[in-house]
Amino acid sequence: MERLRELLFSRAGERGLLSSADLAAVLGRTAQHWTRLASRGSLPAFDLSGGEGRASWGYDPEDLLAWLGRRHNGARQRRVHPAVASVRRRL
């Protein structure tokens, strides 16, 4: 996770925020994917357009690292098959 932190902060540079294109370059997927998540409110982001016209999103590296950490930890918990979970509850 430390390497990812370095990559995100180096891409953010002086401006302190990442663009959807930056996320695509560092995390994969397309810029449109990250824009879609931000538009839905599924990804922490700032609307840099001021609410006028088409949104332009900026992403804080710290917020993204926290979001990725929550998703990573949640993914681990969801990998338990329902049949296994029911057996564990009976034990």
N, C-alpha and C. Protein backbone atom coordinates (compact mmCIF):
# COMPACT_ATOMS: atom_id res chain seq x y z
N MET A 1 0.83 -1.19 0.00
CA MET A 1 0.00 0.00 0.00
C MET A 1 0.88 1.26 0.00
N GLU A 2 2.10 1.11 0.52
CA GLU A 2 3.00 2.27 0.57
C GLU A 2 3.41 2.71 -0.83
N ARG A 3 3.64 1.76 -1.70
CA ARG A 3 4.00 2.09 -3.09
C ARG A 3 2.85 2.82 -3.78
N LEU A 4 1.64 2.37 -3.53
CA LEU A 4 0.47 3.03 -4.10
C LEU A 4 0.35 4.46 -3.56
N ARG A 5 0.62 4.65 -2.28
CA ARG A 5 0.60 5.98 -1.67
C ARG A 5 1.58 6.89 -2.40
N GLU A 6 2.79 6.40 -2.64
CA GLU A 6 3.81 7.19 -3.34
C GLU A 6 3.35 7.57 -4.74
N LEU A 7 2.79 6.60 -5.45
CA LEU A 7 2.32 6.86 -6.82
C LEU A 7 1.21 7.92 -6.84
N LEU A 8 0.25 7.77 -5.94
CA LEU A 8 -0.87 8.72 -5.92
C LEU A 8 -0.40 10.13 -5.59
N PHE A 9 0.47 10.26 -4.58
CA PHE A 9 0.92 11.59 -4.19
C PHE A 9 1.86 12.21 -5.22
N SER A 10 2.64 11.38 -5.90
CA SER A 10 3.52 11.95 -6.92
C SER A 10 2.70 12.44 -8.11
N ARG A 11 1.61 11.73 -8.46
CA ARG A 11 0.74 12.18 -9.55
C ARG A 11 -0.03 13.43 -9.16
N ALA A 12 -0.40 13.56 -7.90
CA ALA A 12 -1.16 14.73 -7.44
C ALA A 12 -0.31 15.99 -7.51
N GLY A 13 0.97 15.85 -7.23
CA GLY A 13 1.89 16.99 -7.33
C GLY A 13 1.48 18.16 -6.48
N GLU A 14 1.77 19.36 -6.95
CA GLU A 14 1.50 20.58 -6.20
C GLU A 14 0.02 20.88 -6.06
N ARG A 15 -0.75 20.48 -7.04
CA ARG A 15 -2.18 20.78 -7.00
C ARG A 15 -2.89 20.01 -5.89
N GLY A 16 -2.32 18.86 -5.48
CA GLY A 16 -2.88 18.10 -4.36
C GLY A 16 -4.04 17.20 -4.72
N LEU A 17 -4.56 17.29 -5.92
CA LEU A 17 -5.68 16.46 -6.34
C LEU A 17 -5.32 15.66 -7.58
N LEU A 18 -5.97 14.54 -7.73
CA LEU A 18 -5.79 13.70 -8.91
C LEU A 18 -6.97 13.87 -9.84
N SER A 19 -6.75 13.64 -11.12
CA SER A 19 -7.83 13.65 -12.10
C SER A 19 -8.27 12.21 -12.37
N SER A 20 -9.34 12.06 -13.10
CA SER A 20 -9.80 10.72 -13.49
C SER A 20 -8.74 10.05 -14.37
N ALA A 21 -8.05 10.82 -15.20
CA ALA A 21 -6.98 10.27 -16.03
C ALA A 21 -5.82 9.77 -15.16
N ASP A 22 -5.51 10.49 -14.09
CA ASP A 22 -4.47 10.05 -13.16
C ASP A 22 -4.85 8.71 -12.53
N LEU A 23 -6.10 8.59 -12.10
CA LEU A 23 -6.55 7.33 -11.50
C LEU A 23 -6.47 6.19 -12.50
N ALA A 24 -6.85 6.46 -13.73
CA ALA A 24 -6.77 5.43 -14.77
C ALA A 24 -5.33 4.97 -14.96
N ALA A 25 -4.40 5.91 -14.94
CA ALA A 25 -2.98 5.58 -15.14
C ALA A 25 -2.42 4.77 -13.97
N VAL A 26 -2.83 5.10 -12.76
CA VAL A 26 -2.26 4.45 -11.57
C VAL A 26 -3.02 3.18 -11.20
N LEU A 27 -4.34 3.22 -11.22
CA LEU A 27 -5.15 2.11 -10.73
C LEU A 27 -5.71 1.22 -11.82
N GLY A 28 -5.62 1.66 -13.07
CA GLY A 28 -6.20 0.88 -14.15
C GLY A 28 -7.63 1.31 -14.43
N ARG A 29 -8.32 0.55 -15.25
CA ARG A 29 -9.66 0.90 -15.73
C ARG A 29 -9.54 2.14 -16.61
N THR A 30 -10.66 2.76 -16.93
CA THR A 30 -10.64 3.96 -17.77
C THR A 30 -10.97 5.18 -16.93
N ALA A 31 -10.65 6.34 -17.47
CA ALA A 31 -11.01 7.58 -16.79
C ALA A 31 -12.53 7.67 -16.64
N GLN A 32 -13.25 7.17 -17.63
CA GLN A 32 -14.72 7.20 -17.58
C GLN A 32 -15.24 6.35 -16.42
N HIS A 33 -14.58 5.25 -16.12
CA HIS A 33 -14.98 4.40 -15.00
C HIS A 33 -14.93 5.19 -13.69
N TRP A 34 -13.81 5.89 -13.47
CA TRP A 34 -13.64 6.64 -12.22
C TRP A 34 -14.60 7.82 -12.17
N THR A 35 -14.84 8.46 -13.32
CA THR A 35 -15.80 9.55 -13.38
C THR A 35 -17.20 9.06 -13.04
N ARG A 36 -17.55 7.91 -13.56
CA ARG A 36 -18.88 7.33 -13.29
C ARG A 36 -19.05 7.06 -11.80
N LEU A 37 -18.03 6.48 -11.16
CA LEU A 37 -18.11 6.21 -9.72
C LEU A 37 -18.26 7.50 -8.93
N ALA A 38 -17.53 8.53 -9.32
CA ALA A 38 -17.64 9.82 -8.62
C ALA A 38 -19.02 10.43 -8.82
N SER A 39 -19.55 10.33 -10.02
CA SER A 39 -20.87 10.89 -10.31
C SER A 39 -21.96 10.21 -9.49
N ARG A 40 -21.80 8.93 -9.25
CA ARG A 40 -22.78 8.18 -8.46
C ARG A 40 -22.62 8.39 -6.96
N GLY A 41 -21.51 8.98 -6.56
CA GLY A 41 -21.23 9.16 -5.14
C GLY A 41 -20.60 7.94 -4.51
N SER A 42 -20.15 7.00 -5.33
CA SER A 42 -19.52 5.77 -4.83
C SER A 42 -18.05 5.95 -4.51
N LEU A 43 -17.47 7.03 -4.97
CA LEU A 43 -16.05 7.29 -4.81
C LEU A 43 -15.89 8.71 -4.27
N PRO A 44 -15.08 8.90 -3.22
CA PRO A 44 -14.91 10.25 -2.68
C PRO A 44 -14.23 11.17 -3.70
N ALA A 45 -14.90 12.26 -4.04
CA ALA A 45 -14.39 13.18 -5.06
C ALA A 45 -14.94 14.57 -4.85
N PHE A 46 -14.28 15.54 -5.44
CA PHE A 46 -14.71 16.94 -5.40
C PHE A 46 -15.16 17.35 -6.79
N ASP A 47 -16.31 18.00 -6.87
CA ASP A 47 -16.79 18.54 -8.15
C ASP A 47 -16.09 19.87 -8.36
N LEU A 48 -15.14 19.91 -9.27
CA LEU A 48 -14.35 21.12 -9.50
C LEU A 48 -15.03 22.11 -10.44
N SER A 49 -16.17 21.71 -11.00
CA SER A 49 -16.88 22.60 -11.93
C SER A 49 -17.75 23.61 -11.19
N GLY A 50 -17.88 23.44 -9.89
CA GLY A 50 -18.71 24.37 -9.12
C GLY A 50 -20.20 24.12 -9.33
N GLY A 51 -20.56 22.96 -9.81
CA GLY A 51 -21.96 22.63 -10.02
C GLY A 51 -22.55 23.18 -11.30
N GLU A 52 -21.72 23.79 -12.12
CA GLU A 52 -22.22 24.35 -13.39
C GLU A 52 -21.76 23.47 -14.55
N GLY A 53 -22.71 23.07 -15.36
CA GLY A 53 -22.38 22.26 -16.53
C GLY A 53 -21.90 20.88 -16.15
N ARG A 54 -21.08 20.34 -16.99
CA ARG A 54 -20.56 18.99 -16.80
C ARG A 54 -19.54 18.97 -15.67
N ALA A 55 -19.66 17.99 -14.77
CA ALA A 55 -18.78 17.91 -13.62
C ALA A 55 -17.35 17.57 -14.04
N SER A 56 -16.41 18.17 -13.36
CA SER A 56 -15.01 17.84 -13.50
C SER A 56 -14.57 17.40 -12.11
N TRP A 57 -14.06 16.18 -11.99
CA TRP A 57 -13.79 15.62 -10.68
C TRP A 57 -12.33 15.69 -10.28
N GLY A 58 -12.09 15.96 -9.01
CA GLY A 58 -10.77 15.92 -8.41
C GLY A 58 -10.80 14.96 -7.24
N TYR A 59 -9.73 14.21 -7.07
CA TYR A 59 -9.69 13.16 -6.05
C TYR A 59 -8.52 13.41 -5.10
N ASP A 60 -8.82 13.42 -3.81
CA ASP A 60 -7.79 13.59 -2.79
C ASP A 60 -7.11 12.24 -2.57
N PRO A 61 -5.77 12.17 -2.65
CA PRO A 61 -5.08 10.89 -2.48
C PRO A 61 -5.37 10.21 -1.14
N GLU A 62 -5.46 10.96 -0.05
CA GLU A 62 -5.75 10.36 1.26
C GLU A 62 -7.13 9.73 1.28
N ASP A 63 -8.13 10.44 0.72
CA ASP A 63 -9.49 9.89 0.65
C ASP A 63 -9.51 8.61 -0.17
N LEU A 64 -8.78 8.60 -1.27
CA LEU A 64 -8.74 7.40 -2.12
C LEU A 64 -8.10 6.22 -1.41
N LEU A 65 -7.01 6.47 -0.69
CA LEU A 65 -6.36 5.38 0.04
C LEU A 65 -7.29 4.79 1.09
N ALA A 66 -8.03 5.65 1.79
CA ALA A 66 -8.99 5.17 2.79
C ALA A 66 -10.09 4.37 2.11
N TRP A 67 -10.60 4.86 0.97
CA TRP A 67 -11.65 4.18 0.22
C TRP A 67 -11.17 2.82 -0.26
N LEU A 68 -9.97 2.78 -0.82
CA LEU A 68 -9.41 1.52 -1.29
C LEU A 68 -9.21 0.54 -0.14
N GLY A 69 -8.77 1.04 1.00
CA GLY A 69 -8.59 0.18 2.18
C GLY A 69 -9.90 -0.43 2.64
N ARG A 70 -10.95 0.39 2.66
CA ARG A 70 -12.27 -0.14 3.06
C ARG A 70 -12.75 -1.18 2.07
N ARG A 71 -12.57 -0.93 0.78
CA ARG A 71 -13.01 -1.89 -0.24
C ARG A 71 -12.20 -3.19 -0.14
N HIS A 72 -10.91 -3.05 0.09
CA HIS A 72 -10.05 -4.23 0.19
C HIS A 72 -10.46 -5.08 1.39
N ASN A 73 -10.66 -4.46 2.54
CA ASN A 73 -11.06 -5.20 3.74
C ASN A 73 -12.44 -5.81 3.58
N GLY A 74 -13.36 -5.08 2.95
CA GLY A 74 -14.70 -5.60 2.72
C GLY A 74 -14.69 -6.78 1.77
N ALA A 75 -13.82 -6.73 0.76
CA ALA A 75 -13.74 -7.82 -0.21
C ALA A 75 -13.29 -9.11 0.48
N ARG A 76 -12.39 -9.00 1.44
CA ARG A 76 -11.94 -10.18 2.17
C ARG A 76 -13.10 -10.82 2.92
N GLN A 77 -13.91 -10.00 3.54
CA GLN A 77 -15.02 -10.52 4.32
C GLN A 77 -16.09 -11.15 3.44
N ARG A 78 -16.32 -10.64 2.25
CA ARG A 78 -17.38 -11.14 1.38
C ARG A 78 -17.00 -12.43 0.66
N ARG A 79 -15.77 -12.86 0.73
CA ARG A 79 -15.35 -14.04 -0.02
C ARG A 79 -15.81 -15.35 0.61
N VAL A 80 -16.41 -15.31 1.76
CA VAL A 80 -16.87 -16.53 2.41
C VAL A 80 -18.14 -17.00 1.72
N HIS A 81 -18.11 -18.22 1.25
CA HIS A 81 -19.27 -18.81 0.58
C HIS A 81 -20.40 -18.98 1.60
N PRO A 82 -21.67 -18.74 1.21
CA PRO A 82 -22.78 -18.86 2.16
C PRO A 82 -22.85 -20.21 2.87
N ALA A 83 -22.53 -21.29 2.17
CA ALA A 83 -22.57 -22.62 2.81
C ALA A 83 -21.51 -22.71 3.91
N VAL A 84 -20.35 -22.12 3.67
CA VAL A 84 -19.28 -22.13 4.67
C VAL A 84 -19.69 -21.28 5.86
N ALA A 85 -20.29 -20.12 5.58
CA ALA A 85 -20.72 -19.24 6.66
C ALA A 85 -21.76 -19.92 7.55
N SER A 86 -22.68 -20.69 6.96
CA SER A 86 -23.72 -21.34 7.76
C SER A 86 -23.10 -22.44 8.64
N VAL A 87 -22.09 -23.13 8.13
CA VAL A 87 -21.40 -24.15 8.92
C VAL A 87 -20.66 -23.49 10.08
N ARG A 88 -20.02 -22.37 9.81
CA ARG A 88 -19.29 -21.65 10.88
C ARG A 88 -20.23 -21.19 11.97
N ARG A 89 -21.43 -20.77 11.60
CA ARG A 89 -22.39 -20.31 12.61
C ARG A 89 -22.83 -21.45 13.52
N ARG A 90 -22.91 -22.65 12.97
CA ARG A 90 -23.35 -23.81 13.77
C ARG A 90 -22.26 -24.29 14.74
N LEU A 91 -21.00 -23.97 14.46
CA LEU A 91 -19.90 -24.44 15.30
C LEU A 91 -19.78 -23.68 16.56
